[in-house]
């Protein structure tokens, strides 16, 4: 497990690899992580940590300029600019993913309370439906 403090950045996270139970091999080496809402904030920080742990990252965001800068900084394998609440855009995104994505992190959109259907801030039901559909088609 990467043990550096969250604000230490990717260099410190890379230094912690020597303490990894995997004997210095990056914990996410060979894995792909998609971060929806990965161009800023928690999503960007998550993508940084995944990248520092050896993952190939795919990031998305609404602001294409900020996304391009984030993708370049992360050396992302791919990026996609779209609004995570747009059902058609989600379909296109999930349809464009490589055959194997090991982890998906959602930090954009609107959360919906599954008990009453009220928006509480990522359209997780919509997102899960699109993800499920895309994965069945692979």
C-alpha atoms as a PDB file:
ATOM      1  CA  UNK A   1       0.000   0.000   0.000  1.00  0.00           C
ATOM      2  CA  UNK A   2       1.245   3.498  -0.820  1.00  0.00           C
ATOM      3  CA  UNK A   3       1.807   5.204   2.516  1.00  0.00           C
ATOM      4  CA  UNK A   4       2.859   8.766   1.751  1.00  0.00           C
ATOM      5  CA  UNK A   5       0.507  11.540   2.881  1.00  0.00           C
ATOM      6  CA  UNK A   6      -2.087  12.561   0.271  1.00  0.00           C
ATOM      7  CA  UNK A   7      -0.469  15.972  -0.236  1.00  0.00           C
ATOM      8  CA  UNK A   8       3.026  14.541  -0.800  1.00  0.00           C
ATOM      9  CA  UNK A   9       2.443  14.099  -4.531  1.00  0.00           C
ATOM     10  CA  UNK A  10       3.416  11.349  -6.939  1.00  0.00           C
ATOM     11  CA  UNK A  11       7.162  11.496  -6.276  1.00  0.00           C
ATOM     12  CA  UNK A  12       6.664  10.547  -2.630  1.00  0.00           C
ATOM     13  CA  UNK A  13       4.192   7.855  -3.666  1.00  0.00           C
ATOM     14  CA  UNK A  14       6.807   6.403  -6.028  1.00  0.00           C
ATOM     15  CA  UNK A  15       9.359   6.406  -3.208  1.00  0.00           C
ATOM     16  CA  UNK A  16       6.972   4.335  -1.081  1.00  0.00           C
ATOM     17  CA  UNK A  17       7.021   1.528  -3.648  1.00  0.00           C
ATOM     18  CA  UNK A  18      10.098   0.076  -1.959  1.00  0.00           C
ATOM     19  CA  UNK A  19       7.899  -0.517   1.111  1.00  0.00           C
ATOM     20  CA  UNK A  20       5.175  -2.160  -0.961  1.00  0.00           C
ATOM     21  CA  UNK A  21       4.180  -5.736  -0.126  1.00  0.00           C
ATOM     22  CA  UNK A  22       4.934  -6.401  -3.793  1.00  0.00           C
ATOM     23  CA  UNK A  23       8.641  -5.812  -3.164  1.00  0.00           C
ATOM     24  CA  UNK A  24       9.039  -2.537  -5.029  1.00  0.00           C
ATOM     25  CA  UNK A  25       6.854  -3.423  -8.029  1.00  0.00           C
ATOM     26  CA  UNK A  26       4.176  -0.757  -8.525  1.00  0.00           C
ATOM     27  CA  UNK A  27       0.926  -2.049  -7.065  1.00  0.00           C
ATOM     28  CA  UNK A  28      -1.150  -1.109 -10.104  1.00  0.00           C
ATOM     29  CA  UNK A  29       1.421  -2.070 -12.757  1.00  0.00           C
ATOM     30  CA  UNK A  30      -0.316  -3.471 -15.819  1.00  0.00           C
ATOM     31  CA  UNK A  31      -3.721  -2.196 -14.729  1.00  0.00           C
ATOM     32  CA  UNK A  32      -5.917   0.464 -16.290  1.00  0.00           C
ATOM     33  CA  UNK A  33      -7.758   2.992 -14.152  1.00  0.00           C
ATOM     34  CA  UNK A  34     -10.470   5.245 -15.601  1.00  0.00           C
ATOM     35  CA  UNK A  35     -11.281   8.362 -13.597  1.00  0.00           C
ATOM     36  CA  UNK A  36     -14.516  10.100 -14.529  1.00  0.00           C
ATOM     37  CA  UNK A  37     -14.006  13.673 -13.412  1.00  0.00           C
ATOM     38  CA  UNK A  38     -10.234  13.263 -13.373  1.00  0.00           C
ATOM     39  CA  UNK A  39      -9.200  16.702 -14.578  1.00  0.00           C
ATOM     40  CA  UNK A  40      -9.333  18.420 -11.177  1.00  0.00           C
ATOM     41  CA  UNK A  41      -9.846  17.963  -7.467  1.00  0.00           C
ATOM     42  CA  UNK A  42     -10.265  14.531  -5.916  1.00  0.00           C
ATOM     43  CA  UNK A  43     -10.486  12.871  -9.327  1.00  0.00           C
ATOM     44  CA  UNK A  44      -7.173  14.352 -10.445  1.00  0.00           C
ATOM     45  CA  UNK A  45      -5.513  13.426  -7.146  1.00  0.00           C
ATOM     46  CA  UNK A  46      -6.814   9.869  -7.507  1.00  0.00           C
ATOM     47  CA  UNK A  47      -5.470   9.675 -11.062  1.00  0.00           C
ATOM     48  CA  UNK A  48      -2.084  10.957  -9.820  1.00  0.00           C
ATOM     49  CA  UNK A  49      -1.935   8.269  -7.147  1.00  0.00           C
ATOM     50  CA  UNK A  50      -2.974   5.543  -9.590  1.00  0.00           C
ATOM     51  CA  UNK A  51      -0.339   6.701 -12.069  1.00  0.00           C
ATOM     52  CA  UNK A  52       2.326   6.806  -9.338  1.00  0.00           C
ATOM     53  CA  UNK A  53       1.362   3.233  -8.431  1.00  0.00           C
ATOM     54  CA  UNK A  54       2.036   2.138 -12.019  1.00  0.00           C
ATOM     55  CA  UNK A  55      -1.413   2.243 -13.596  1.00  0.00           C
ATOM     56  CA  UNK A  56      -2.274   3.430 -17.071  1.00  0.00           C
ATOM     57  CA  UNK A  57      -4.890   6.133 -16.546  1.00  0.00           C
ATOM     58  CA  UNK A  58      -7.816   7.360 -18.606  1.00  0.00           C
ATOM     59  CA  UNK A  59      -9.304  10.651 -17.443  1.00  0.00           C
ATOM     60  CA  UNK A  60     -12.457  12.525 -18.317  1.00  0.00           C
ATOM     61  CA  UNK A  61     -13.733  15.998 -17.604  1.00  0.00           C
ATOM     62  CA  UNK A  62     -16.096  18.648 -18.922  1.00  0.00           C
ATOM     63  CA  UNK A  63     -13.545  21.403 -19.524  1.00  0.00           C
ATOM     64  CA  UNK A  64     -11.491  20.287 -22.543  1.00  0.00           C
ATOM     65  CA  UNK A  65      -8.596  22.692 -21.852  1.00  0.00           C
ATOM     66  CA  UNK A  66      -8.255  21.693 -18.211  1.00  0.00           C
ATOM     67  CA  UNK A  67      -8.623  18.038 -19.241  1.00  0.00           C
ATOM     68  CA  UNK A  68      -5.850  18.333 -21.849  1.00  0.00           C
ATOM     69  CA  UNK A  69      -3.515  19.828 -19.241  1.00  0.00           C
ATOM     70  CA  UNK A  70      -4.392  17.136 -16.683  1.00  0.00           C
ATOM     71  CA  UNK A  71      -3.986  14.325 -19.226  1.00  0.00           C
ATOM     72  CA  UNK A  72      -0.571  15.665 -20.237  1.00  0.00           C
ATOM     73  CA  UNK A  73       0.537  16.028 -16.611  1.00  0.00           C
ATOM     74  CA  UNK A  74      -0.610  12.484 -15.846  1.00  0.00           C
ATOM     75  CA  UNK A  75       0.749  11.035 -19.084  1.00  0.00           C
ATOM     76  CA  UNK A  76      -2.729   9.547 -19.484  1.00  0.00           C
ATOM     77  CA  UNK A  77      -3.189   6.856 -22.113  1.00  0.00           C
ATOM     78  CA  UNK A  78      -6.456   8.513 -23.138  1.00  0.00           C
ATOM     79  CA  UNK A  79      -8.862  11.265 -22.182  1.00  0.00           C
ATOM     80  CA  UNK A  80     -12.405  12.228 -23.085  1.00  0.00           C
ATOM     81  CA  UNK A  81     -14.139  15.561 -22.643  1.00  0.00           C
ATOM     82  CA  UNK A  82     -17.843  15.234 -21.823  1.00  0.00           C
ATOM     83  CA  UNK A  83     -20.455  15.964 -19.174  1.00  0.00           C
ATOM     84  CA  UNK A  84     -20.854  12.885 -16.960  1.00  0.00           C
ATOM     85  CA  UNK A  85     -24.602  13.527 -16.665  1.00  0.00           C
ATOM     86  CA  UNK A  86     -25.052  13.192 -20.463  1.00  0.00           C
ATOM     87  CA  UNK A  87     -26.374   9.655 -21.135  1.00  0.00           C
ATOM     88  CA  UNK A  88     -25.262   9.603 -24.778  1.00  0.00           C
ATOM     89  CA  UNK A  89     -21.778  10.799 -23.851  1.00  0.00           C
ATOM     90  CA  UNK A  90     -21.540   8.071 -21.205  1.00  0.00           C
ATOM     91  CA  UNK A  91     -22.523   5.475 -23.799  1.00  0.00           C
ATOM     92  CA  UNK A  92     -19.833   6.723 -26.163  1.00  0.00           C
ATOM     93  CA  UNK A  93     -17.227   6.802 -23.396  1.00  0.00           C
ATOM     94  CA  UNK A  94     -17.895   3.290 -22.120  1.00  0.00           C
ATOM     95  CA  UNK A  95     -18.057   2.036 -25.700  1.00  0.00           C
ATOM     96  CA  UNK A  96     -14.605   3.497 -26.362  1.00  0.00           C
ATOM     97  CA  UNK A  97     -12.851   1.915 -23.381  1.00  0.00           C
ATOM     98  CA  UNK A  98     -10.229  -0.766 -23.929  1.00  0.00           C
ATOM     99  CA  UNK A  99     -11.402  -4.359 -23.368  1.00  0.00           C
ATOM    100  CA  UNK A 100      -9.973  -4.443 -19.843  1.00  0.00           C
ATOM    101  CA  UNK A 101     -10.383  -1.650 -17.324  1.00  0.00           C
ATOM    102  CA  UNK A 102      -9.466  -2.728 -13.822  1.00  0.00           C
ATOM    103  CA  UNK A 103     -10.824   0.207 -11.829  1.00  0.00           C
ATOM    104  CA  UNK A 104     -13.290   3.026 -12.470  1.00  0.00           C
ATOM    105  CA  UNK A 105     -13.440   6.011 -10.141  1.00  0.00           C
ATOM    106  CA  UNK A 106     -16.377   8.385 -10.325  1.00  0.00           C
ATOM    107  CA  UNK A 107     -15.874  11.924  -9.061  1.00  0.00           C
ATOM    108  CA  UNK A 108     -18.247  13.783 -11.388  1.00  0.00           C
ATOM    109  CA  UNK A 109     -21.935  13.927 -12.131  1.00  0.00           C
ATOM    110  CA  UNK A 110     -24.911  13.700  -9.769  1.00  0.00           C
ATOM    111  CA  UNK A 111     -25.356  11.111  -7.069  1.00  0.00           C
ATOM    112  CA  UNK A 112     -28.820   9.608  -6.857  1.00  0.00           C
ATOM    113  CA  UNK A 113     -30.239   8.113  -3.691  1.00  0.00           C
ATOM    114  CA  UNK A 114     -31.105   4.530  -4.725  1.00  0.00           C
ATOM    115  CA  UNK A 115     -33.872   4.377  -2.115  1.00  0.00           C
ATOM    116  CA  UNK A 116     -35.910   7.359  -3.261  1.00  0.00           C
ATOM    117  CA  UNK A 117     -34.387   8.389  -6.608  1.00  0.00           C
ATOM    118  CA  UNK A 118     -33.621  11.924  -5.439  1.00  0.00           C
ATOM    119  CA  UNK A 119     -30.473  13.584  -6.727  1.00  0.00           C
ATOM    120  CA  UNK A 120     -28.037  14.146  -3.917  1.00  0.00           C
ATOM    121  CA  UNK A 121     -25.240  15.451  -5.877  1.00  0.00           C
ATOM    122  CA  UNK A 122     -23.217  11.602  -9.645  1.00  0.00           C
ATOM    123  CA  UNK A 123     -25.908  10.078 -11.546  1.00  0.00           C
ATOM    124  CA  UNK A 124     -24.688   6.752 -10.214  1.00  0.00           C
ATOM    125  CA  UNK A 125     -27.739   4.756 -11.319  1.00  0.00           C
ATOM    126  CA  UNK A 126     -27.399   6.133 -14.853  1.00  0.00           C
ATOM    127  CA  UNK A 127     -23.636   5.600 -14.812  1.00  0.00           C
ATOM    128  CA  UNK A 128     -23.951   2.011 -13.585  1.00  0.00           C
ATOM    129  CA  UNK A 129     -26.527   1.239 -16.266  1.00  0.00           C
ATOM    130  CA  UNK A 130     -24.226   2.557 -19.006  1.00  0.00           C
ATOM    131  CA  UNK A 131     -21.224   0.718 -17.555  1.00  0.00           C
ATOM    132  CA  UNK A 132     -23.181  -2.537 -17.309  1.00  0.00           C
ATOM    133  CA  UNK A 133     -24.411  -2.196 -20.890  1.00  0.00           C
ATOM    134  CA  UNK A 134     -20.915  -1.457 -22.196  1.00  0.00           C
ATOM    135  CA  UNK A 135     -19.342  -4.364 -20.321  1.00  0.00           C
ATOM    136  CA  UNK A 136     -21.931  -6.839 -21.668  1.00  0.00           C
ATOM    137  CA  UNK A 137     -21.077  -5.737 -25.194  1.00  0.00           C
ATOM    138  CA  UNK A 138     -17.351  -6.422 -24.747  1.00  0.00           C
END
